[in-house]
Amino acid sequence: MAKPQVLILQHADWEKPGRILECLDDVGLQTMTMNITGQAKPDLPEFSEIAGLVIMGGPMGATDYENYPGLKKEAKLARAAISVGKPVIGVCLGQQIIATALGAKLTSGAVDEVGFAPIKRLSQHDYFSMWSKQLNVLHWHHDVVGLPEGAEPLARSEQTKVQAFRIGSALAMQFHLEVSAPLLEEWLAEPTMVKGMKKSQIQKIRDDFNEYNTQLQPLADSVFSGFAARCATYAAYLEDGRH
């Protein structure tokens, strides 16, 4: 049998796991990154070999199964992983996939939420033990979701009531803690991401990142290293079960 690994589901070339992958690498976990959006029957790793699941962002709608049939498989995989306690983390589209997979409603936001803006912490769960009551984070989304039944809301913003939640073994975030300085530059160079933006708007995002990153980096390290530790524990559990 293959060594347990963390499966990273990516939906666009530029929507990379960034700081999440760095923390997984730090604890020596094996990872596999796949884009299955266009595949109705993707060739995924054996479920028993998945030690954790990461679902990244992307430009499509979370329930657009007609154009992106692989999203239905992602939703099914997220439900299955959460049901048995595998660590799961979802970012932006990933949050929406988790939420809709668990019965929450997906809707279009009143406005696009793009750039740095504050979120308010609603709960000081272990994942967010370092949070202050309010924090400026990077947003880049249009769709929003409701809160799945049984989920604990963790954060909200003025425009988006569900900015983060946890349910069972899953953490879901609408905002982008995973973005490092090099990854941000990739985003700002990607025409799809900055379509319709003025140069001054692009520069403001860059300037705001430089201003807020000293606060965000330790928070990101705490959240993603906590997730990596959970994945490492689950990987060890899977390996123990083979003996």
Protein backbone atom coordinates (compact mmCIF):
# COMPACT_ATOMS: atom_id res chain seq x y z
CA MET A 1 0.00 0.00 0.00
CA ALA A 2 1.10 3.55 -0.70
CA LYS A 3 2.23 5.85 2.09
CA PRO A 4 -0.57 8.07 3.45
CA GLN A 5 -0.65 11.47 1.78
CA VAL A 6 -2.56 14.73 1.82
CA LEU A 7 -4.66 15.28 -1.29
CA ILE A 8 -4.72 18.87 -2.58
CA LEU A 9 -7.51 19.69 -5.03
CA GLN A 10 -6.65 22.70 -7.17
CA HIS A 11 -9.06 24.37 -9.62
CA ALA A 12 -6.86 26.91 -11.40
CA ASP A 13 -3.11 27.09 -12.06
CA TRP A 14 -2.69 30.22 -9.93
CA GLU A 15 -4.89 29.09 -7.01
CA LYS A 16 -2.03 27.28 -5.28
CA PRO A 17 -1.93 26.04 -1.68
CA GLY A 18 0.87 28.46 -0.79
CA ARG A 19 1.40 28.55 2.96
CA ILE A 20 -0.70 25.41 3.46
CA LEU A 21 1.77 23.36 1.43
CA GLU A 22 4.72 24.94 3.24
CA CYS A 23 3.34 23.74 6.58
CA LEU A 24 2.61 20.26 5.24
CA ASP A 25 6.18 20.09 3.91
CA ASP A 26 7.53 21.22 7.28
CA VAL A 27 6.18 18.10 8.98
CA GLY A 28 7.36 15.81 6.19
CA LEU A 29 3.96 14.82 4.83
CA GLN A 30 3.64 13.52 1.30
CA THR A 31 1.16 15.44 -0.84
CA MET A 32 -0.55 14.96 -4.18
CA THR A 33 -1.97 17.93 -6.10
CA MET A 34 -4.71 17.30 -8.66
CA ASN A 35 -7.16 19.28 -10.79
CA ILE A 36 -10.19 17.09 -11.43
CA THR A 37 -12.74 19.78 -12.30
CA GLY A 38 -13.30 18.49 -15.84
CA GLN A 39 -13.47 14.79 -14.94
CA ALA A 40 -16.68 12.99 -14.07
CA LYS A 41 -14.73 9.89 -12.98
CA PRO A 42 -11.30 11.08 -11.83
CA ASP A 43 -8.57 8.63 -10.87
CA LEU A 44 -8.17 9.61 -7.23
CA PRO A 45 -5.94 8.01 -4.61
CA GLU A 46 -7.50 5.26 -2.51
CA PHE A 47 -9.65 6.87 0.20
CA SER A 48 -7.87 4.76 2.82
CA GLU A 49 -4.55 6.37 1.83
CA ILE A 50 -5.71 9.99 2.22
CA ALA A 51 -4.41 11.51 5.46
CA GLY A 52 -5.94 14.94 4.82
CA LEU A 53 -7.84 16.90 2.21
CA VAL A 54 -7.17 20.46 0.98
CA ILE A 55 -9.72 22.10 -1.36
CA MET A 56 -8.47 25.30 -2.94
CA GLY A 57 -10.15 28.30 -4.57
CA GLY A 58 -11.12 28.79 -8.19
CA PRO A 59 -13.20 30.93 -10.56
CA MET A 60 -16.13 28.54 -11.02
CA GLY A 61 -19.31 28.08 -9.03
CA ALA A 62 -19.21 25.37 -6.38
CA THR A 63 -22.30 23.63 -7.75
CA ASP A 64 -21.66 24.09 -11.48
CA TYR A 65 -21.57 20.33 -11.98
CA GLU A 66 -22.67 20.56 -15.62
CA ASN A 67 -19.54 22.43 -16.74
CA TYR A 68 -17.23 21.06 -14.03
CA PRO A 69 -18.37 17.51 -13.22
CA GLY A 70 -15.37 16.89 -10.98
CA LEU A 71 -16.83 19.29 -8.40
CA LYS A 72 -19.53 16.74 -7.58
CA LYS A 73 -16.79 14.20 -6.82
CA GLU A 74 -15.03 16.78 -4.62
CA ALA A 75 -18.23 17.36 -2.65
CA LYS A 76 -18.68 13.62 -2.15
CA LEU A 77 -15.04 13.27 -1.07
CA ALA A 78 -15.36 16.15 1.40
CA ARG A 79 -18.47 14.59 2.98
CA ALA A 80 -16.76 11.21 3.24
CA ALA A 81 -13.59 12.66 4.77
CA ILE A 82 -15.49 14.65 7.37
CA SER A 83 -17.66 11.64 8.23
CA VAL A 84 -14.63 9.62 9.34
CA GLY A 85 -12.66 12.49 10.90
CA LYS A 86 -10.00 13.03 8.25
CA PRO A 87 -8.60 16.59 8.50
CA VAL A 88 -10.11 18.83 5.81
CA ILE A 89 -9.44 22.45 4.93
CA GLY A 90 -11.26 24.50 2.30
CA VAL A 91 -10.39 27.96 0.99
CA CYS A 92 -12.79 30.26 -0.91
CA LEU A 93 -14.32 27.93 -3.53
CA GLY A 94 -13.14 25.12 -1.26
CA GLN A 95 -15.18 26.55 1.59
CA GLN A 96 -18.21 26.74 -0.68
CA ILE A 97 -17.74 23.13 -1.84
CA ILE A 98 -17.64 21.92 1.77
CA ALA A 99 -20.65 24.02 2.77
CA THR A 100 -22.85 22.99 -0.16
CA ALA A 101 -21.77 19.35 0.20
CA LEU A 102 -23.21 19.52 3.72
CA GLY A 103 -26.49 21.09 2.62
CA ALA A 104 -25.83 24.83 2.83
CA LYS A 105 -27.12 27.19 0.15
CA LEU A 106 -24.85 28.91 -2.38
CA THR A 107 -25.82 32.41 -3.54
CA SER A 108 -24.26 35.32 -5.40
CA GLY A 109 -22.94 38.02 -3.10
CA ALA A 110 -24.37 41.52 -3.26
CA VAL A 111 -20.97 42.76 -4.45
CA ASP A 112 -17.58 41.28 -5.27
CA GLU A 113 -15.41 41.24 -2.16
CA VAL A 114 -11.87 41.75 -3.46
CA GLY A 115 -8.87 43.17 -1.61
CA PHE A 116 -8.11 43.63 2.08
CA ALA A 117 -10.98 44.25 4.47
CA PRO A 118 -11.70 43.36 8.09
CA ILE A 119 -13.35 40.22 9.39
CA LYS A 120 -14.69 39.79 12.91
CA ARG A 121 -13.87 36.70 14.94
CA LEU A 122 -16.97 34.99 16.31
CA SER A 123 -15.28 32.13 18.15
CA GLN A 124 -11.79 31.54 19.52
CA HIS A 125 -11.53 27.91 18.47
CA ASP A 126 -8.08 26.28 18.65
CA TYR A 127 -7.50 27.03 14.98
CA PHE A 128 -7.84 30.75 15.68
CA SER A 129 -6.37 30.98 19.16
CA MET A 130 -4.06 33.82 18.09
CA TRP A 131 -6.83 35.99 16.63
CA SER A 132 -7.72 39.42 17.81
CA LYS A 133 -11.40 40.40 17.60
CA GLN A 134 -10.92 42.01 14.19
CA LEU A 135 -8.34 41.37 11.48
CA ASN A 136 -7.73 42.60 7.94
CA VAL A 137 -7.50 39.69 5.50
CA LEU A 138 -7.39 39.18 1.74
CA HIS A 139 -10.75 38.59 0.04
CA TRP A 140 -11.31 37.52 -3.57
CA HIS A 141 -14.81 36.16 -4.16
CA HIS A 142 -18.33 36.80 -5.40
CA ASP A 143 -20.39 33.80 -4.28
CA VAL A 144 -21.26 33.25 -0.62
CA VAL A 145 -22.68 30.34 1.38
CA GLY A 146 -24.92 29.78 4.33
CA LEU A 147 -23.82 27.90 7.43
CA PRO A 148 -24.20 24.10 7.25
CA GLU A 149 -26.36 22.55 9.96
CA GLY A 150 -24.24 21.74 12.99
CA ALA A 151 -21.33 23.99 11.95
CA GLU A 152 -19.72 26.53 14.27
CA PRO A 153 -19.32 30.01 12.73
CA LEU A 154 -15.83 31.39 13.29
CA ALA A 155 -15.74 34.71 11.42
CA ARG A 156 -17.84 37.13 9.38
CA SER A 157 -17.38 40.38 7.46
CA GLU A 158 -19.67 43.25 6.65
CA GLN A 159 -20.45 41.76 3.21
CA THR A 160 -20.26 38.05 4.04
CA LYS A 161 -21.96 36.47 7.05
CA VAL A 162 -20.05 33.17 6.75
CA GLN A 163 -16.34 33.96 6.40
CA ALA A 164 -15.17 30.88 8.29
CA PHE A 165 -16.67 27.88 10.01
CA ARG A 166 -15.67 24.54 11.42
CA ILE A 167 -17.63 21.32 11.38
CA GLY A 168 -16.22 18.08 12.70
CA SER A 169 -12.72 17.65 11.30
CA ALA A 170 -13.11 20.44 8.71
CA LEU A 171 -12.09 24.08 8.68
CA ALA A 172 -13.53 26.26 5.92
CA MET A 173 -12.45 29.83 5.16
CA GLN A 174 -13.79 32.23 2.55
CA PHE A 175 -10.72 34.48 2.77
CA HIS A 176 -7.15 33.80 1.68
CA LEU A 177 -4.69 33.20 4.52
CA GLU A 178 -2.70 30.88 2.26
CA VAL A 179 -1.39 33.66 0.01
CA SER A 180 2.30 34.47 0.44
CA ALA A 181 4.09 37.43 -1.16
CA PRO A 182 5.30 35.41 -4.21
CA LEU A 183 1.84 33.88 -4.70
CA LEU A 184 0.19 37.29 -4.51
CA GLU A 185 2.44 38.50 -7.33
CA GLU A 186 1.31 35.53 -9.43
CA TRP A 187 -2.30 36.51 -8.79
CA LEU A 188 -1.70 40.14 -9.70
CA ALA A 189 -0.01 39.05 -12.95
CA GLU A 190 -2.89 36.75 -13.89
CA PRO A 191 -5.36 38.50 -16.27
CA THR A 192 -8.27 36.40 -14.98
CA MET A 193 -7.74 37.67 -11.45
CA VAL A 194 -7.34 41.38 -12.18
CA LYS A 195 -9.84 41.73 -15.00
CA GLY A 196 -11.52 45.13 -14.80
CA MET A 197 -9.17 46.46 -12.12
CA LYS A 198 -7.31 49.74 -12.39
CA LYS A 199 -3.55 49.80 -11.84
CA SER A 200 -4.17 51.82 -8.67
CA GLN A 201 -6.44 49.06 -7.31
CA ILE A 202 -3.83 46.41 -8.02
CA GLN A 203 -1.15 48.48 -6.32
CA LYS A 204 -3.38 49.03 -3.28
CA ILE A 205 -3.73 45.27 -2.81
CA ARG A 206 0.05 44.94 -2.96
CA ASP A 207 0.55 47.83 -0.50
CA ASP A 208 -2.09 46.45 1.89
CA PHE A 209 -0.44 43.03 1.82
CA ASN A 210 2.86 44.59 2.82
CA GLU A 211 1.12 46.45 5.65
CA TYR A 212 -0.87 43.53 7.08
CA ASN A 213 1.42 40.59 6.39
CA THR A 214 3.33 40.90 9.66
CA GLN A 215 0.02 40.20 11.44
CA LEU A 216 -1.17 37.55 9.00
CA GLN A 217 1.98 35.45 8.72
CA PRO A 218 2.00 34.16 12.32
CA LEU A 219 -1.76 33.56 12.17
CA ALA A 220 -1.40 31.62 8.93
CA ASP A 221 1.48 29.62 10.41
CA SER A 222 -0.65 28.78 13.46
CA VAL A 223 -3.72 27.73 11.45
CA PHE A 224 -1.90 25.74 8.79
CA SER A 225 0.66 24.14 11.08
CA GLY A 226 -2.26 23.02 13.26
CA PHE A 227 -3.89 21.48 10.21
CA ALA A 228 -0.59 19.84 9.20
CA ALA A 229 -0.22 18.37 12.70
CA ARG A 230 -3.72 16.90 12.46
CA CYS A 231 -2.85 15.39 9.07
CA ALA A 232 0.39 13.92 10.47
CA THR A 233 -1.53 12.37 13.37
CA TYR A 234 -4.08 10.89 10.97
CA ALA A 235 -1.31 9.57 8.69
CA ALA A 236 0.27 7.81 11.68
CA TYR A 237 -3.16 6.37 12.59
CA LEU A 238 -3.52 4.98 9.06
CA GLU A 239 -0.06 3.45 9.15
CA ASP A 240 -0.65 1.92 12.58
CA GLY A 241 -3.82 0.33 11.27
CA ARG A 242 -1.83 -1.58 8.68
CA HIS A 243 0.28 -3.41 11.25
